[in-house]
Amino acid sequence: MKKEQDKAVALKYERGKDPAPRVAAKGRGVVAERILAVAREHNIPIRQDKALLDALYRLDINEEIPEDLYRVIAEILAFVYRMNRMKADRS
């Protein structure tokens, strides 16, 4: 039985510029692996959440996330901002 290929979605959001985060990249298999590799290379946090991944994967590239995902994405962004702030404070 063949294992379902892994998927990945990358979001882009510039605070103060973008009205909402949008899908920057998505893919399966080798493309998903490359998205994750680029994230690791740039120390971008990776969140593993199958339900969220499935919801985001339905969106098109460059499409803004729907309002029903704002809360969960806001929590993730808040976590990322805190981590970046802690990293900057240690430097």
PDB file of N, CA and C in Angstrom:
ATOM      1  N   MET A   1       0.842  -1.176   0.000  1.00  0.00           N
ATOM      2  CA  MET A   1       0.000   0.000   0.000  1.00  0.00           C
ATOM      3  C   MET A   1       0.892   1.246   0.000  1.00  0.00           C
ATOM      4  N   LYS A   2       0.636   2.134  -0.917  1.00  0.00           N
ATOM      5  CA  LYS A   2       1.458   3.336  -1.055  1.00  0.00           C
ATOM      6  C   LYS A   2       1.069   4.385  -0.009  1.00  0.00           C
ATOM      7  N   LYS A   3       2.072   4.947   0.641  1.00  0.00           N
ATOM      8  CA  LYS A   3       1.844   5.995   1.631  1.00  0.00           C
ATOM      9  C   LYS A   3       1.473   7.294   0.917  1.00  0.00           C
ATOM     10  N   GLU A   4       0.487   8.008   1.472  1.00  0.00           N
ATOM     11  CA  GLU A   4       0.116   9.306   0.890  1.00  0.00           C
ATOM     12  C   GLU A   4       1.306  10.257   1.026  1.00  0.00           C
ATOM     13  N   GLN A   5       1.586  10.986  -0.044  1.00  0.00           N
ATOM     14  CA  GLN A   5       2.715  11.913  -0.015  1.00  0.00           C
ATOM     15  C   GLN A   5       2.453  13.038   0.962  1.00  0.00           C
ATOM     16  N   ASP A   6       3.523  13.478   1.583  1.00  0.00           N
ATOM     17  CA  ASP A   6       3.407  14.584   2.510  1.00  0.00           C
ATOM     18  C   ASP A   6       3.120  15.872   1.754  1.00  0.00           C
ATOM     19  N   LYS A   7       2.418  16.765   2.412  1.00  0.00           N
ATOM     20  CA  LYS A   7       2.086  18.064   1.833  1.00  0.00           C
ATOM     21  C   LYS A   7       2.698  19.153   2.703  1.00  0.00           C
ATOM     22  N   ALA A   8       2.879  20.328   2.096  1.00  0.00           N
ATOM     23  CA  ALA A   8       3.352  21.496   2.832  1.00  0.00           C
ATOM     24  C   ALA A   8       2.740  22.747   2.216  1.00  0.00           C
ATOM     25  N   VAL A   9       2.503  23.724   3.079  1.00  0.00           N
ATOM     26  CA  VAL A   9       2.001  25.025   2.646  1.00  0.00           C
ATOM     27  C   VAL A   9       2.841  26.085   3.343  1.00  0.00           C
ATOM     28  N   ALA A  10       3.278  27.078   2.581  1.00  0.00           N
ATOM     29  CA  ALA A  10       4.019  28.210   3.143  1.00  0.00           C
ATOM     30  C   ALA A  10       3.128  29.438   3.058  1.00  0.00           C
ATOM     31  N   LEU A  11       3.106  30.205   4.141  1.00  0.00           N
ATOM     32  CA  LEU A  11       2.328  31.439   4.172  1.00  0.00           C
ATOM     33  C   LEU A  11       3.255  32.633   4.125  1.00  0.00           C
ATOM     34  N   LYS A  12       2.757  33.727   3.590  1.00  0.00           N
ATOM     35  CA  LYS A  12       3.499  34.984   3.561  1.00  0.00           C
ATOM     36  C   LYS A  12       2.620  36.057   4.191  1.00  0.00           C
ATOM     37  N   TYR A  13       3.234  36.852   5.054  1.00  0.00           N
ATOM     38  CA  TYR A  13       2.488  37.948   5.675  1.00  0.00           C
ATOM     39  C   TYR A  13       3.463  39.030   6.084  1.00  0.00           C
ATOM     40  N   GLU A  14       3.196  40.247   5.629  1.00  0.00           N
ATOM     41  CA  GLU A  14       3.992  41.400   6.041  1.00  0.00           C
ATOM     42  C   GLU A  14       3.086  42.312   6.851  1.00  0.00           C
ATOM     43  N   ARG A  15       3.354  42.358   8.160  1.00  0.00           N
ATOM     44  CA  ARG A  15       2.541  43.153   9.066  1.00  0.00           C
ATOM     45  C   ARG A  15       2.550  44.609   8.617  1.00  0.00           C
ATOM     46  N   GLY A  16       1.364  45.193   8.578  1.00  0.00           N
ATOM     47  CA  GLY A  16       1.229  46.580   8.162  1.00  0.00           C
ATOM     48  C   GLY A  16       1.105  46.760   6.660  1.00  0.00           C
ATOM     49  N   LYS A  17       1.403  45.720   5.903  1.00  0.00           N
ATOM     50  CA  LYS A  17       1.332  45.800   4.445  1.00  0.00           C
ATOM     51  C   LYS A  17       0.210  44.922   3.882  1.00  0.00           C
ATOM     52  N   ASP A  18       0.149  43.680   4.359  1.00  0.00           N
ATOM     53  CA  ASP A  18      -0.846  42.732   3.861  1.00  0.00           C
ATOM     54  C   ASP A  18      -2.093  42.752   4.746  1.00  0.00           C
ATOM     55  N   PRO A  19      -3.288  42.714   4.132  1.00  0.00           N
ATOM     56  CA  PRO A  19      -4.500  42.664   4.947  1.00  0.00           C
ATOM     57  C   PRO A  19      -4.647  41.321   5.681  1.00  0.00           C
ATOM     58  N   ALA A  20      -4.109  40.256   5.108  1.00  0.00           N
ATOM     59  CA  ALA A  20      -4.174  38.926   5.723  1.00  0.00           C
ATOM     60  C   ALA A  20      -3.047  38.072   5.148  1.00  0.00           C
ATOM     61  N   PRO A  21      -2.637  37.040   5.887  1.00  0.00           N
ATOM     62  CA  PRO A  21      -1.642  36.128   5.321  1.00  0.00           C
ATOM     63  C   PRO A  21      -2.188  35.469   4.063  1.00  0.00           C
ATOM     64  N   ARG A  22      -1.275  35.121   3.163  1.00  0.00           N
ATOM     65  CA  ARG A  22      -1.683  34.464   1.927  1.00  0.00           C
ATOM     66  C   ARG A  22      -0.765  33.271   1.669  1.00  0.00           C
ATOM     67  N   VAL A  23      -1.236  32.360   0.839  1.00  0.00           N
ATOM     68  CA  VAL A  23      -0.466  31.167   0.496  1.00  0.00           C
ATOM     69  C   VAL A  23       0.656  31.578  -0.456  1.00  0.00           C
ATOM     70  N   ALA A  24       1.885  31.344  -0.036  1.00  0.00           N
ATOM     71  CA  ALA A  24       3.043  31.691  -0.855  1.00  0.00           C
ATOM     72  C   ALA A  24       3.513  30.500  -1.690  1.00  0.00           C
ATOM     73  N   ALA A  25       3.335  29.298  -1.148  1.00  0.00           N
ATOM     74  CA  ALA A  25       3.753  28.083  -1.860  1.00  0.00           C
ATOM     75  C   ALA A  25       3.012  26.902  -1.262  1.00  0.00           C
ATOM     76  N   LYS A  26       2.826  25.882  -2.080  1.00  0.00           N
ATOM     77  CA  LYS A  26       2.252  24.636  -1.578  1.00  0.00           C
ATOM     78  C   LYS A  26       2.664  23.520  -2.507  1.00  0.00           C
ATOM     79  N   GLY A  27       2.706  22.319  -1.979  1.00  0.00           N
ATOM     80  CA  GLY A  27       3.062  21.192  -2.821  1.00  0.00           C
ATOM     81  C   GLY A  27       3.046  19.890  -2.067  1.00  0.00           C
ATOM     82  N   ARG A  28       3.237  18.816  -2.829  1.00  0.00           N
ATOM     83  CA  ARG A  28       3.293  17.451  -2.299  1.00  0.00           C
ATOM     84  C   ARG A  28       4.640  16.835  -2.629  1.00  0.00           C
ATOM     85  N   GLY A  29       4.998  15.829  -1.901  1.00  0.00           N
ATOM     86  CA  GLY A  29       6.193  15.054  -2.200  1.00  0.00           C
ATOM     87  C   GLY A  29       7.459  15.892  -2.220  1.00  0.00           C
ATOM     88  N   VAL A  30       8.163  15.858  -3.343  1.00  0.00           N
ATOM     89  CA  VAL A  30       9.443  16.564  -3.474  1.00  0.00           C
ATOM     90  C   VAL A  30       9.259  18.067  -3.278  1.00  0.00           C
ATOM     91  N   VAL A  31       8.166  18.617  -3.782  1.00  0.00           N
ATOM     92  CA  VAL A  31       7.911  20.056  -3.619  1.00  0.00           C
ATOM     93  C   VAL A  31       7.710  20.378  -2.141  1.00  0.00           C
ATOM     94  N   ALA A  32       6.961  19.545  -1.430  1.00  0.00           N
ATOM     95  CA  ALA A  32       6.753  19.748   0.006  1.00  0.00           C
ATOM     96  C   ALA A  32       8.086  19.673   0.746  1.00  0.00           C
ATOM     97  N   GLU A  33       8.908  18.706   0.381  1.00  0.00           N
ATOM     98  CA  GLU A  33      10.227  18.570   1.013  1.00  0.00           C
ATOM     99  C   GLU A  33      11.063  19.823   0.783  1.00  0.00           C
ATOM    100  N   ARG A  34      10.990  20.388  -0.402  1.00  0.00           N
ATOM    101  CA  ARG A  34      11.761  21.601  -0.722  1.00  0.00           C
ATOM    102  C   ARG A  34      11.238  22.800   0.076  1.00  0.00           C
ATOM    103  N   ILE A  35       9.915  22.925   0.198  1.00  0.00           N
ATOM    104  CA  ILE A  35       9.340  24.012   0.992  1.00  0.00           C
ATOM    105  C   ILE A  35       9.850  23.916   2.428  1.00  0.00           C
ATOM    106  N   LEU A  36       9.843  22.712   2.992  1.00  0.00           N
ATOM    107  CA  LEU A  36      10.313  22.525   4.367  1.00  0.00           C
ATOM    108  C   LEU A  36      11.812  22.785   4.483  1.00  0.00           C
ATOM    109  N   ALA A  37      12.581  22.368   3.483  1.00  0.00           N
ATOM    110  CA  ALA A  37      14.028  22.596   3.504  1.00  0.00           C
ATOM    111  C   ALA A  37      14.345  24.088   3.480  1.00  0.00           C
ATOM    112  N   VAL A  38      13.648  24.840   2.648  1.00  0.00           N
ATOM    113  CA  VAL A  38      13.863  26.294   2.580  1.00  0.00           C
ATOM    114  C   VAL A  38      13.503  26.932   3.918  1.00  0.00           C
ATOM    115  N   ALA A  39      12.401  26.490   4.517  1.00  0.00           N
ATOM    116  CA  ALA A  39      12.008  27.013   5.825  1.00  0.00           C
ATOM    117  C   ALA A  39      13.103  26.753   6.853  1.00  0.00           C
ATOM    118  N   ARG A  40      13.630  25.541   6.875  1.00  0.00           N
ATOM    119  CA  ARG A  40      14.701  25.211   7.836  1.00  0.00           C
ATOM    120  C   ARG A  40      15.954  26.043   7.567  1.00  0.00           C
ATOM    121  N   GLU A  41      16.308  26.210   6.292  1.00  0.00           N
ATOM    122  CA  GLU A  41      17.500  26.998   5.932  1.00  0.00           C
ATOM    123  C   GLU A  41      17.405  28.428   6.454  1.00  0.00           C
ATOM    124  N   HIS A  42      16.193  28.952   6.514  1.00  0.00           N
ATOM    125  CA  HIS A  42      15.982  30.340   6.933  1.00  0.00           C
ATOM    126  C   HIS A  42      15.446  30.455   8.356  1.00  0.00           C
ATOM    127  N   ASN A  43      15.543  29.351   9.097  1.00  0.00           N
ATOM    128  CA  ASN A  43      15.088  29.313  10.495  1.00  0.00           C
ATOM    129  C   ASN A  43      13.644  29.775  10.657  1.00  0.00           C
ATOM    130  N   ILE A  44      12.799  29.390   9.713  1.00  0.00           N
ATOM    131  CA  ILE A  44      11.381  29.706   9.779  1.00  0.00           C
ATOM    132  C   ILE A  44      10.703  28.568  10.534  1.00  0.00           C
ATOM    133  N   PRO A  45       9.946  28.901  11.580  1.00  0.00           N
ATOM    134  CA  PRO A  45       9.280  27.841  12.339  1.00  0.00           C
ATOM    135  C   PRO A  45       8.323  27.038  11.460  1.00  0.00           C
ATOM    136  N   ILE A  46       8.260  25.735  11.731  1.00  0.00           N
ATOM    137  CA  ILE A  46       7.392  24.825  10.993  1.00  0.00           C
ATOM    138  C   ILE A  46       6.349  24.293  11.963  1.00  0.00           C
ATOM    139  N   ARG A  47       5.106  24.394  11.567  1.00  0.00           N
ATOM    140  CA  ARG A  47       4.000  23.918  12.404  1.00  0.00           C
ATOM    141  C   ARG A  47       3.398  22.680  11.749  1.00  0.00           C
ATOM    142  N   GLN A  48       3.261  21.614  12.515  1.00  0.00           N
ATOM    143  CA  GLN A  48       2.641  20.394  12.000  1.00  0.00           C
ATOM    144  C   GLN A  48       1.235  20.304  12.573  1.00  0.00           C
ATOM    145  N   ASP A  49       0.248  20.480  11.716  1.00  0.00           N
ATOM    146  CA  ASP A  49      -1.154  20.465  12.121  1.00  0.00           C
ATOM    147  C   ASP A  49      -1.951  19.998  10.901  1.00  0.00           C
ATOM    148  N   LYS A  50      -2.332  18.727  10.877  1.00  0.00           N
ATOM    149  CA  LYS A  50      -2.961  18.149   9.700  1.00  0.00           C
ATOM    150  C   LYS A  50      -4.252  18.864   9.312  1.00  0.00           C
ATOM    151  N   ALA A  51      -5.096  19.185  10.285  1.00  0.00           N
ATOM    152  CA  ALA A  51      -6.363  19.849   9.969  1.00  0.00           C
ATOM    153  C   ALA A  51      -6.112  21.214   9.339  1.00  0.00           C
ATOM    154  N   LEU A  52      -5.162  21.972   9.905  1.00  0.00           N
ATOM    155  CA  LEU A  52      -4.828  23.286   9.347  1.00  0.00           C
ATOM    156  C   LEU A  52      -4.203  23.132   7.962  1.00  0.00           C
ATOM    157  N   LEU A  53      -3.304  22.176   7.814  1.00  0.00           N
ATOM    158  CA  LEU A  53      -2.679  21.927   6.517  1.00  0.00           C
ATOM    159  C   LEU A  53      -3.730  21.608   5.456  1.00  0.00           C
ATOM    160  N   ASP A  54      -4.673  20.743   5.798  1.00  0.00           N
ATOM    161  CA  ASP A  54      -5.720  20.388   4.840  1.00  0.00           C
ATOM    162  C   ASP A  54      -6.542  21.618   4.441  1.00  0.00           C
ATOM    163  N   ALA A  55      -6.863  22.474   5.406  1.00  0.00           N
ATOM    164  CA  ALA A  55      -7.643  23.684   5.113  1.00  0.00           C
ATOM    165  C   ALA A  55      -6.849  24.641   4.226  1.00  0.00           C
ATOM    166  N   LEU A  56      -5.566  24.824   4.530  1.00  0.00           N
ATOM    167  CA  LEU A  56      -4.734  25.741   3.751  1.00  0.00           C
ATOM    168  C   LEU A  56      -4.432  25.184   2.358  1.00  0.00           C
ATOM    169  N   TYR A  57      -4.311  23.866   2.264  1.00  0.00           N
ATOM    170  CA  TYR A  57      -3.954  23.258   0.983  1.00  0.00           C
ATOM    171  C   TYR A  57      -5.048  23.436  -0.068  1.00  0.00           C
ATOM    172  N   ARG A  58      -6.280  23.642   0.377  1.00  0.00           N
ATOM    173  CA  ARG A  58      -7.393  23.864  -0.558  1.00  0.00           C
ATOM    174  C   ARG A  58      -7.316  25.236  -1.231  1.00  0.00           C
ATOM    175  N   LEU A  59      -6.530  26.146  -0.647  1.00  0.00           N
ATOM    176  CA  LEU A  59      -6.422  27.502  -1.189  1.00  0.00           C
ATOM    177  C   LEU A  59      -5.463  27.526  -2.377  1.00  0.00           C
ATOM    178  N   ASP A  60      -5.636  28.509  -3.231  1.00  0.00           N
ATOM    179  CA  ASP A  60      -4.741  28.705  -4.366  1.00  0.00           C
ATOM    180  C   ASP A  60      -3.519  29.516  -3.947  1.00  0.00           C
ATOM    181  N   ILE A  61      -2.456  29.399  -4.727  1.00  0.00           N
ATOM    182  CA  ILE A  61      -1.262  30.217  -4.501  1.00  0.00           C
ATOM    183  C   ILE A  61      -1.669  31.692  -4.571  1.00  0.00           C
ATOM    184  N   ASN A  62      -1.181  32.475  -3.648  1.00  0.00           N
ATOM    185  CA  ASN A  62      -1.416  33.912  -3.539  1.00  0.00           C
ATOM    186  C   ASN A  62      -2.809  34.254  -2.990  1.00  0.00           C
ATOM    187  N   GLU A  63      -3.606  33.242  -2.632  1.00  0.00           N
ATOM    188  CA  GLU A  63      -4.929  33.488  -2.065  1.00  0.00           C
ATOM    189  C   GLU A  63      -4.804  33.791  -0.567  1.00  0.00           C
ATOM    190  N   GLU A  64      -5.555  34.800  -0.108  1.00  0.00           N
ATOM    191  CA  GLU A  64      -5.564  35.128   1.322  1.00  0.00           C
ATOM    192  C   GLU A  64      -6.279  34.024   2.091  1.00  0.00           C
ATOM    193  N   ILE A  65      -5.831  33.830   3.333  1.00  0.00           N
ATOM    194  CA  ILE A  65      -6.507  32.841   4.162  1.00  0.00           C
ATOM    195  C   ILE A  65      -7.918  33.334   4.466  1.00  0.00           C
ATOM    196  N   PRO A  66      -8.870  32.430   4.601  1.00  0.00           N
ATOM    197  CA  PRO A  66     -10.244  32.838   4.911  1.00  0.00           C
ATOM    198  C   PRO A  66     -10.371  33.277   6.375  1.00  0.00           C
ATOM    199  N   GLU A  67     -11.379  34.080   6.644  1.00  0.00           N
ATOM    200  CA  GLU A  67     -11.580  34.621   7.986  1.00  0.00           C
ATOM    201  C   GLU A  67     -11.698  33.542   9.052  1.00  0.00           C
ATOM    202  N   ASP A  68     -12.253  32.389   8.717  1.00  0.00           N
ATOM    203  CA  ASP A  68     -12.401  31.350   9.737  1.00  0.00           C
ATOM    204  C   ASP A  68     -11.064  30.768  10.195  1.00  0.00           C
ATOM    205  N   LEU A  69      -9.971  31.086   9.502  1.00  0.00           N
ATOM    206  CA  LEU A  69      -8.640  30.643   9.926  1.00  0.00           C
ATOM    207  C   LEU A  69      -7.832  31.762  10.594  1.00  0.00           C
ATOM    208  N   TYR A  70      -8.387  32.962  10.660  1.00  0.00           N
ATOM    209  CA  TYR A  70      -7.648  34.091  11.238  1.00  0.00           C
ATOM    210  C   TYR A  70      -7.132  33.784  12.643  1.00  0.00           C
ATOM    211  N   ARG A  71      -7.997  33.248  13.501  1.00  0.00           N
ATOM    212  CA  ARG A  71      -7.598  33.043  14.900  1.00  0.00           C
ATOM    213  C   ARG A  71      -6.399  32.102  15.017  1.00  0.00           C
ATOM    214  N   VAL A  72      -6.474  30.933  14.370  1.00  0.00           N
ATOM    215  CA  VAL A  72      -5.380  29.979  14.484  1.00  0.00           C
ATOM    216  C   VAL A  72      -4.101  30.529  13.857  1.00  0.00           C
ATOM    217  N   ILE A  73      -4.209  31.215  12.740  1.00  0.00           N
ATOM    218  CA  ILE A  73      -3.024  31.797  12.101  1.00  0.00           C
ATOM    219  C   ILE A  73      -2.470  32.931  12.965  1.00  0.00           C
ATOM    220  N   ALA A  74      -3.341  33.724  13.579  1.00  0.00           N
ATOM    221  CA  ALA A  74      -2.888  34.804  14.473  1.00  0.00           C
ATOM    222  C   ALA A  74      -2.107  34.226  15.656  1.00  0.00           C
ATOM    223  N   GLU A  75      -2.563  33.103  16.188  1.00  0.00           N
ATOM    224  CA  GLU A  75      -1.838  32.460  17.291  1.00  0.00           C
ATOM    225  C   GLU A  75      -0.457  31.994  16.842  1.00  0.00           C
ATOM    226  N   ILE A  76      -0.389  31.443  15.642  1.00  0.00           N
ATOM    227  CA  ILE A  76       0.902  30.995  15.107  1.00  0.00           C
ATOM    228  C   ILE A  76       1.831  32.191  14.885  1.00  0.00           C
ATOM    229  N   LEU A  77       1.304  33.260  14.279  1.00  0.00           N
ATOM    230  CA  LEU A  77       2.127  34.446  14.040  1.00  0.00           C
ATOM    231  C   LEU A  77       2.603  35.061  15.353  1.00  0.00           C
ATOM    232  N   ALA A  78       1.753  35.096  16.357  1.00  0.00           N
ATOM    233  CA  ALA A  78       2.149  35.631  17.666  1.00  0.00           C
ATOM    234  C   ALA A  78       3.300  34.802  18.235  1.00  0.00           C
ATOM    235  N   PHE A  79       3.225  33.488  18.099  1.00  0.00           N
ATOM    236  CA  PHE A  79       4.294  32.610  18.555  1.00  0.00           C
ATOM    237  C   PHE A  79       5.598  32.908  17.805  1.00  0.00           C
ATOM    238  N   VAL A  80       5.498  33.051  16.489  1.00  0.00           N
ATOM    239  CA  VAL A  80       6.682  33.340  15.667  1.00  0.00           C
ATOM    240  C   VAL A  80       7.291  34.685  16.073  1.00  0.00           C
ATOM    241  N   TYR A  81       6.462  35.713  16.263  1.00  0.00           N
ATOM    242  CA  TYR A  81       6.973  37.024  16.669  1.00  0.00           C
ATOM    243  C   TYR A  81       7.669  36.949  18.027  1.00  0.00           C
ATOM    244  N   ARG A  82       7.078  36.180  18.965  1.00  0.00           N
ATOM    245  CA  ARG A  82       7.718  36.028  20.289  1.00  0.00           C
ATOM    246  C   ARG A  82       9.072  35.343  20.151  1.00  0.00           C
ATOM    247  N   MET A  83       9.127  34.289  19.335  1.00  0.00           N
ATOM    248  CA  MET A  83      10.389  33.574  19.134  1.00  0.00           C
ATOM    249  C   MET A  83      11.438  34.486  18.507  1.00  0.00           C
ATOM    250  N   ASN A  84      11.039  35.276  17.515  1.00  0.00           N
ATOM    251  CA  ASN A  84      11.975  36.201  16.875  1.00  0.00           C
ATOM    252  C   ASN A  84      12.470  37.241  17.863  1.00  0.00           C
ATOM    253  N   ARG A  85      11.584  37.742  18.724  1.00  0.00           N
ATOM    254  CA  ARG A  85      11.961  38.733  19.723  1.00  0.00           C
ATOM    255  C   ARG A  85      12.948  38.134  20.719  1.00  0.00           C
ATOM    256  N   MET A  86      12.679  36.893  21.160  1.00  0.00           N
ATOM    257  CA  MET A  86      13.593  36.227  22.105  1.00  0.00           C
ATOM    258  C   MET A  86      14.948  36.019  21.464  1.00  0.00           C
ATOM    259  N   LYS A  87      14.963  35.639  20.197  1.00  0.00           N
ATOM    260  CA  LYS A  87      16.219  35.421  19.483  1.00  0.00           C
ATOM    261  C   LYS A  87      16.995  36.741  19.364  1.00  0.00           C
ATOM    262  N   ALA A  88      16.304  37.825  19.076  1.00  0.00           N
ATOM    263  CA  ALA A  88      16.952  39.131  18.953  1.00  0.00           C
ATOM    264  C   ALA A  88      17.497  39.610  20.295  1.00  0.00           C
ATOM    265  N   ASP A  89      16.774  39.338  21.371  1.00  0.00           N
ATOM    266  CA  ASP A  89      17.229  39.731  22.700  1.00  0.00           C
ATOM    267  C   ASP A  89      18.493  38.987  23.120  1.00  0.00           C
ATOM    268  N   ARG A  90      18.671  37.758  22.630  1.00  0.00           N
ATOM    269  CA  ARG A  90      19.869  36.990  22.957  1.00  0.00           C
ATOM    270  C   ARG A  90      21.090  37.438  22.162  1.00  0.00           C
ATOM    271  N   SER A  91      20.864  38.159  21.074  1.00  0.00           N
ATOM    272  CA  SER A  91      21.984  38.589  20.200  1.00  0.00           C
ATOM    273  C   SER A  91      22.661  39.823  20.730  1.00  0.00           C
TER     274      SER A  91
END
